[in-house]
Amino acid sequence: MLCIDNLRKGYTYQITNHREQITFEVIDFTENDYLVKNTTTLEVFNLKEIIQYGLGNDYKLIDLEGNEK
């Protein structure tokens, strides 16, 4: 499982948190957040919006590009 600090621009990830699963691509970095695009709805938002209520017991972040280390 990845740490949020290790995300890379242009890569696709899947996050599960509080029973919600979102697949997204990292578009850009801001000073303390990531600008991401939901690959299903094409909605653009900040990653902190997904984890604004904290990390749930089911939290999981997966690298869909296969580059997880």
C-alpha atoms as a PDB file:
ATOM      1  CA  MET A   1       0.000   0.000   0.000  1.00  0.00           C
ATOM      2  CA  LEU A   2       1.232   3.459  -0.877  1.00  0.00           C
ATOM      3  CA  CYS A   3       1.587   6.581   1.209  1.00  0.00           C
ATOM      4  CA  ILE A   4      -0.207   9.661  -0.144  1.00  0.00           C
ATOM      5  CA  ASP A   5       3.121  11.545  -0.178  1.00  0.00           C
ATOM      6  CA  ASN A   6       4.478   9.175  -2.867  1.00  0.00           C
ATOM      7  CA  LEU A   7       2.008   9.966  -5.653  1.00  0.00           C
ATOM      8  CA  ARG A   8       3.409  10.911  -9.056  1.00  0.00           C
ATOM      9  CA  LYS A   9       2.046  13.309 -11.662  1.00  0.00           C
ATOM     10  CA  GLY A  10       0.440  11.517 -14.619  1.00  0.00           C
ATOM     11  CA  TYR A  11      -0.042   8.204 -12.800  1.00  0.00           C
ATOM     12  CA  THR A  12      -3.352   6.501 -12.070  1.00  0.00           C
ATOM     13  CA  TYR A  13      -4.327   5.331  -8.577  1.00  0.00           C
ATOM     14  CA  GLN A  14      -7.292   3.817  -6.801  1.00  0.00           C
ATOM     15  CA  ILE A  15      -8.213   4.911  -3.292  1.00  0.00           C
ATOM     16  CA  THR A  16     -10.693   3.241  -0.975  1.00  0.00           C
ATOM     17  CA  ASN A  17     -11.786   5.215   2.086  1.00  0.00           C
ATOM     18  CA  HIS A  18     -14.980   4.977   4.149  1.00  0.00           C
ATOM     19  CA  ARG A  19     -16.478   2.439   1.679  1.00  0.00           C
ATOM     20  CA  GLU A  20     -15.996   4.818  -1.247  1.00  0.00           C
ATOM     21  CA  GLN A  21     -13.714   3.728  -4.087  1.00  0.00           C
ATOM     22  CA  ILE A  22     -12.333   6.282  -6.553  1.00  0.00           C
ATOM     23  CA  THR A  23      -9.941   5.813  -9.462  1.00  0.00           C
ATOM     24  CA  PHE A  24      -8.035   8.998 -10.272  1.00  0.00           C
ATOM     25  CA  GLU A  25      -5.087  10.439 -12.174  1.00  0.00           C
ATOM     26  CA  VAL A  26      -2.744  12.978 -10.597  1.00  0.00           C
ATOM     27  CA  ILE A  27      -2.831  16.122 -12.738  1.00  0.00           C
ATOM     28  CA  ASP A  28      -0.665  18.504 -10.715  1.00  0.00           C
ATOM     29  CA  PHE A  29       0.790  19.253  -7.311  1.00  0.00           C
ATOM     30  CA  THR A  30      -0.096  22.279  -5.246  1.00  0.00           C
ATOM     31  CA  GLU A  31       1.849  23.456  -2.222  1.00  0.00           C
ATOM     32  CA  ASN A  32       0.269  20.934   0.132  1.00  0.00           C
ATOM     33  CA  ASP A  33      -2.209  18.918  -1.955  1.00  0.00           C
ATOM     34  CA  TYR A  34      -2.696  17.095  -5.243  1.00  0.00           C
ATOM     35  CA  LEU A  35      -4.993  18.149  -8.060  1.00  0.00           C
ATOM     36  CA  VAL A  36      -6.572  14.939  -9.364  1.00  0.00           C
ATOM     37  CA  LYS A  37      -9.081  13.862 -12.022  1.00  0.00           C
ATOM     38  CA  ASN A  38     -11.622  11.117 -11.419  1.00  0.00           C
ATOM     39  CA  THR A  39     -11.126   8.768 -14.382  1.00  0.00           C
ATOM     40  CA  THR A  40     -14.776   7.683 -14.327  1.00  0.00           C
ATOM     41  CA  THR A  41     -16.581  11.042 -14.106  1.00  0.00           C
ATOM     42  CA  LEU A  42     -13.684  13.262 -15.336  1.00  0.00           C
ATOM     43  CA  GLU A  43     -14.363  15.567 -12.361  1.00  0.00           C
ATOM     44  CA  VAL A  44     -11.287  17.519 -11.204  1.00  0.00           C
ATOM     45  CA  PHE A  45     -10.790  18.072  -7.466  1.00  0.00           C
ATOM     46  CA  ASN A  46      -8.192  18.199  -4.694  1.00  0.00           C
ATOM     47  CA  LEU A  47      -7.184  14.885  -3.124  1.00  0.00           C
ATOM     48  CA  LYS A  48      -7.781  16.311   0.360  1.00  0.00           C
ATOM     49  CA  GLU A  49     -11.500  16.372  -0.441  1.00  0.00           C
ATOM     50  CA  ILE A  50     -11.480  12.558  -0.425  1.00  0.00           C
ATOM     51  CA  ILE A  51      -9.716  12.273   2.927  1.00  0.00           C
ATOM     52  CA  GLN A  52     -11.205  15.344   4.618  1.00  0.00           C
ATOM     53  CA  TYR A  53     -12.976  13.171   7.205  1.00  0.00           C
ATOM     54  CA  GLY A  54      -9.856  11.159   8.015  1.00  0.00           C
ATOM     55  CA  LEU A  55      -8.722   7.720   6.983  1.00  0.00           C
ATOM     56  CA  GLY A  56     -11.189   4.922   7.596  1.00  0.00           C
ATOM     57  CA  ASN A  57     -10.456   1.362   8.655  1.00  0.00           C
ATOM     58  CA  ASP A  58     -10.822   0.310   5.025  1.00  0.00           C
ATOM     59  CA  TYR A  59      -8.292   2.894   3.703  1.00  0.00           C
ATOM     60  CA  LYS A  60      -6.267   1.559   0.800  1.00  0.00           C
ATOM     61  CA  LEU A  61      -4.255   3.346  -1.911  1.00  0.00           C
ATOM     62  CA  ILE A  62      -3.182   1.288  -4.930  1.00  0.00           C
ATOM     63  CA  ASP A  63      -0.944   2.219  -7.858  1.00  0.00           C
ATOM     64  CA  LEU A  64      -2.760   1.043 -10.999  1.00  0.00           C
ATOM     65  CA  GLU A  65       0.324   1.650 -13.144  1.00  0.00           C
ATOM     66  CA  GLY A  66       2.111  -1.240 -11.413  1.00  0.00           C
ATOM     67  CA  ASN A  67       4.928   0.932 -10.055  1.00  0.00           C
ATOM     68  CA  GLU A  68       4.189   0.432  -6.351  1.00  0.00           C
ATOM     69  CA  LYS A  69       7.314   0.031  -4.256  1.00  0.00           C
END
